[in-house]
C-alpha cells in the first residue's frame, strides 16, 4: 500500500502503525514525489491526504490498473 501526505509527520505515523501490522508501505510526501514513486510501483491501496488538484495529478494514468483509493481529508476544525 502507499501513504501520501503533504506532512512528513503524518506519513511517519501511518508507516509505523501499518508496519506493526505487517504491511509494507510505500510513502511519499506531496504529489510530485507520489507521482514519481507510483510510476515505478503500483500499490493495491493508496491512503491519500492531498487537496483535490494534487490528488488528481498523483493517480496513475493506466485505465487497466485496478486500484483502491482511500482519501483521508484533514479534520474540518484544524486551522489552516
N, C-alpha and C. Protein backbone atom coordinates (compact mmCIF):
# COMPACT_ATOMS: atom_id res chain seq x y z
N UNK A 1 0.84 -1.17 0.00
CA UNK A 1 0.00 0.00 0.00
C UNK A 1 0.88 1.23 0.00
N UNK A 2 0.28 2.35 -0.30
CA UNK A 2 1.01 3.61 -0.36
C UNK A 2 0.32 4.64 0.51
N UNK A 3 1.09 5.43 1.23
CA UNK A 3 0.57 6.53 2.05
C UNK A 3 1.15 7.83 1.51
N UNK A 4 0.25 8.76 1.18
CA UNK A 4 0.68 10.03 0.59
C UNK A 4 0.10 11.18 1.41
N UNK A 5 0.94 12.08 1.82
CA UNK A 5 0.51 13.24 2.59
C UNK A 5 1.50 14.37 2.33
N UNK A 6 1.08 15.58 2.63
CA UNK A 6 1.98 16.71 2.46
C UNK A 6 2.75 17.04 3.74
N UNK A 7 2.51 16.26 4.80
CA UNK A 7 3.22 16.46 6.06
C UNK A 7 3.94 15.17 6.45
N UNK A 8 5.24 15.27 6.57
CA UNK A 8 6.06 14.09 6.85
C UNK A 8 5.68 13.41 8.17
N UNK A 9 5.29 14.18 9.17
CA UNK A 9 4.94 13.59 10.46
C UNK A 9 3.72 12.67 10.34
N UNK A 10 2.76 13.03 9.50
CA UNK A 10 1.60 12.16 9.28
C UNK A 10 2.01 10.86 8.62
N UNK A 11 2.91 10.95 7.66
CA UNK A 11 3.40 9.76 6.96
C UNK A 11 4.10 8.83 7.95
N UNK A 12 4.92 9.39 8.83
CA UNK A 12 5.65 8.57 9.80
C UNK A 12 4.70 7.79 10.70
N UNK A 13 3.61 8.42 11.12
CA UNK A 13 2.63 7.75 11.98
C UNK A 13 1.97 6.59 11.24
N UNK A 14 1.55 6.84 10.00
CA UNK A 14 0.88 5.81 9.20
C UNK A 14 1.82 4.65 8.92
N UNK A 15 3.04 4.94 8.51
CA UNK A 15 4.01 3.88 8.19
C UNK A 15 4.32 3.05 9.43
N UNK A 16 4.50 3.70 10.57
CA UNK A 16 4.79 2.96 11.81
C UNK A 16 3.62 2.07 12.22
N UNK A 17 2.41 2.63 12.19
CA UNK A 17 1.23 1.86 12.61
C UNK A 17 0.97 0.67 11.69
N UNK A 18 1.02 0.90 10.39
CA UNK A 18 0.75 -0.18 9.45
C UNK A 18 1.90 -1.19 9.39
N UNK A 19 3.12 -0.71 9.60
CA UNK A 19 4.27 -1.61 9.64
C UNK A 19 4.17 -2.61 10.78
N UNK A 20 3.65 -2.15 11.93
CA UNK A 20 3.47 -3.05 13.07
C UNK A 20 2.44 -4.15 12.77
N UNK A 21 1.54 -3.86 11.84
CA UNK A 21 0.54 -4.85 11.45
C UNK A 21 1.01 -5.75 10.31
N UNK A 22 2.26 -5.52 9.87
CA UNK A 22 2.84 -6.37 8.84
C UNK A 22 2.69 -5.87 7.42
N UNK A 23 2.17 -4.64 7.25
CA UNK A 23 2.03 -4.09 5.90
C UNK A 23 3.31 -3.42 5.44
N UNK A 24 3.60 -3.58 4.17
CA UNK A 24 4.69 -2.84 3.53
C UNK A 24 4.08 -1.57 2.97
N UNK A 25 4.60 -0.41 3.39
CA UNK A 25 4.02 0.87 3.00
C UNK A 25 5.04 1.69 2.21
N UNK A 26 4.67 2.04 1.00
CA UNK A 26 5.45 2.95 0.17
C UNK A 26 4.95 4.35 0.50
N UNK A 27 5.82 5.22 0.98
CA UNK A 27 5.37 6.55 1.38
C UNK A 27 5.87 7.61 0.42
N UNK A 28 5.13 8.71 0.37
CA UNK A 28 5.51 9.85 -0.46
C UNK A 28 5.00 11.12 0.20
N UNK A 29 5.80 12.16 0.13
CA UNK A 29 5.42 13.45 0.68
C UNK A 29 5.09 14.37 -0.49
N UNK A 30 3.81 14.63 -0.68
CA UNK A 30 3.37 15.53 -1.74
C UNK A 30 3.14 14.82 -3.06
N UNK A 31 2.43 15.53 -3.94
CA UNK A 31 2.02 14.97 -5.22
C UNK A 31 3.15 14.63 -6.17
N UNK A 32 4.18 15.48 -6.24
CA UNK A 32 5.28 15.23 -7.18
C UNK A 32 6.03 13.95 -6.82
N UNK A 33 6.35 13.78 -5.55
CA UNK A 33 7.06 12.58 -5.12
C UNK A 33 6.17 11.35 -5.30
N UNK A 34 4.89 11.49 -5.02
CA UNK A 34 3.96 10.38 -5.19
C UNK A 34 3.87 9.95 -6.65
N UNK A 35 3.76 10.91 -7.55
CA UNK A 35 3.70 10.58 -8.98
C UNK A 35 4.92 9.79 -9.43
N UNK A 36 6.08 10.23 -8.98
CA UNK A 36 7.33 9.55 -9.36
C UNK A 36 7.34 8.13 -8.81
N UNK A 37 6.99 7.96 -7.56
CA UNK A 37 7.05 6.63 -6.94
C UNK A 37 5.97 5.70 -7.49
N UNK A 38 4.79 6.25 -7.78
CA UNK A 38 3.70 5.42 -8.30
C UNK A 38 3.93 5.03 -9.76
N UNK A 39 4.79 5.77 -10.45
CA UNK A 39 5.10 5.39 -11.83
C UNK A 39 6.01 4.16 -11.87
N UNK A 40 6.72 3.90 -10.77
CA UNK A 40 7.63 2.77 -10.69
C UNK A 40 6.95 1.55 -10.06
N UNK A 41 6.10 1.78 -9.09
CA UNK A 41 5.48 0.67 -8.35
C UNK A 41 4.01 0.98 -8.08
N UNK A 42 3.15 0.04 -8.36
CA UNK A 42 1.70 0.22 -8.19
C UNK A 42 1.21 -0.50 -6.93
N UNK A 43 0.77 0.25 -5.92
CA UNK A 43 0.24 -0.40 -4.72
C UNK A 43 -1.19 -0.88 -4.94
N UNK A 44 -1.66 -1.77 -4.08
CA UNK A 44 -3.04 -2.23 -4.13
C UNK A 44 -3.99 -1.20 -3.51
N UNK A 45 -3.46 -0.39 -2.60
CA UNK A 45 -4.26 0.60 -1.89
C UNK A 45 -3.45 1.86 -1.70
N UNK A 46 -4.09 3.01 -1.87
CA UNK A 46 -3.44 4.30 -1.61
C UNK A 46 -4.22 5.02 -0.52
N UNK A 47 -3.53 5.42 0.54
CA UNK A 47 -4.09 6.28 1.57
C UNK A 47 -3.61 7.69 1.25
N UNK A 48 -4.55 8.60 1.05
CA UNK A 48 -4.21 9.89 0.46
C UNK A 48 -4.80 11.03 1.26
N UNK A 49 -3.99 12.03 1.58
CA UNK A 49 -4.47 13.27 2.18
C UNK A 49 -3.80 14.42 1.44
N UNK A 50 -4.33 14.73 0.28
CA UNK A 50 -3.84 15.86 -0.51
C UNK A 50 -5.05 16.60 -1.06
N UNK A 51 -4.93 17.90 -1.28
CA UNK A 51 -6.04 18.62 -1.91
C UNK A 51 -6.38 18.01 -3.27
N UNK A 52 -7.62 18.19 -3.73
CA UNK A 52 -8.12 17.56 -4.95
C UNK A 52 -7.23 17.67 -6.16
N UNK A 53 -6.70 18.84 -6.46
CA UNK A 53 -5.86 19.01 -7.65
C UNK A 53 -4.61 18.15 -7.56
N UNK A 54 -3.98 18.13 -6.41
CA UNK A 54 -2.77 17.31 -6.23
C UNK A 54 -3.11 15.83 -6.30
N UNK A 55 -4.25 15.47 -5.74
CA UNK A 55 -4.67 14.06 -5.77
C UNK A 55 -4.87 13.60 -7.21
N UNK A 56 -5.48 14.43 -8.03
CA UNK A 56 -5.74 14.06 -9.43
C UNK A 56 -4.43 13.84 -10.18
N UNK A 57 -3.43 14.69 -9.97
CA UNK A 57 -2.18 14.55 -10.71
C UNK A 57 -1.34 13.39 -10.18
N UNK A 58 -1.65 12.90 -8.99
CA UNK A 58 -0.91 11.80 -8.39
C UNK A 58 -1.32 10.44 -8.92
N UNK A 59 -2.59 10.29 -9.28
CA UNK A 59 -3.13 8.99 -9.63
C UNK A 59 -2.51 8.43 -10.91
N UNK A 60 -2.25 7.14 -10.93
CA UNK A 60 -1.71 6.50 -12.13
C UNK A 60 -2.67 6.68 -13.31
N UNK A 61 -2.14 6.79 -14.49
CA UNK A 61 -2.95 7.05 -15.67
C UNK A 61 -3.12 5.81 -16.54
N UNK A 62 -3.17 4.67 -15.95
CA UNK A 62 -3.38 3.43 -16.71
C UNK A 62 -4.79 2.94 -16.43
N UNK A 63 -5.68 3.00 -17.42
CA UNK A 63 -7.07 2.59 -17.18
C UNK A 63 -7.23 1.13 -16.79
N UNK A 64 -6.28 0.28 -17.15
CA UNK A 64 -6.39 -1.13 -16.82
C UNK A 64 -5.96 -1.42 -15.38
N UNK A 65 -5.43 -0.44 -14.71
CA UNK A 65 -4.92 -0.62 -13.35
C UNK A 65 -6.07 -0.63 -12.34
N UNK A 66 -6.24 -1.75 -11.64
CA UNK A 66 -7.23 -1.83 -10.58
C UNK A 66 -6.60 -1.28 -9.31
N UNK A 67 -7.17 -0.22 -8.77
CA UNK A 67 -6.55 0.48 -7.66
C UNK A 67 -7.61 0.92 -6.67
N UNK A 68 -7.37 0.71 -5.40
CA UNK A 68 -8.26 1.19 -4.35
C UNK A 68 -7.66 2.46 -3.76
N UNK A 69 -8.50 3.47 -3.58
CA UNK A 69 -8.06 4.76 -3.05
C UNK A 69 -8.89 5.10 -1.83
N UNK A 70 -8.23 5.44 -0.75
CA UNK A 70 -8.91 5.90 0.45
C UNK A 70 -8.42 7.32 0.72
N UNK A 71 -9.33 8.27 0.53
CA UNK A 71 -8.99 9.68 0.74
C UNK A 71 -9.29 10.03 2.19
N UNK A 72 -8.30 10.57 2.89
CA UNK A 72 -8.44 10.93 4.29
C UNK A 72 -8.24 12.45 4.41
N UNK A 73 -9.34 13.21 4.40
CA UNK A 73 -9.20 14.67 4.46
C UNK A 73 -8.80 15.15 5.84
N UNK A 74 -8.30 16.38 5.89
CA UNK A 74 -7.97 16.98 7.18
C UNK A 74 -9.24 17.19 7.98
N UNK A 75 -9.10 17.23 9.26
CA UNK A 75 -10.24 17.49 10.13
C UNK A 75 -10.71 18.92 9.91
N UNK A 76 -12.05 19.14 9.77
CA UNK A 76 -12.56 20.47 9.45
C UNK A 76 -12.23 21.54 10.48
N UNK A 77 -12.00 21.16 11.73
CA UNK A 77 -11.69 22.16 12.75
C UNK A 77 -10.21 22.51 12.81
N UNK A 78 -9.39 21.82 12.02
CA UNK A 78 -7.95 22.08 12.02
C UNK A 78 -7.67 23.43 11.39
N UNK A 79 -6.95 24.32 12.08
CA UNK A 79 -6.65 25.64 11.49
C UNK A 79 -5.73 25.50 10.28
N UNK A 80 -5.95 26.35 9.29
CA UNK A 80 -5.11 26.31 8.08
C UNK A 80 -4.09 27.41 8.09
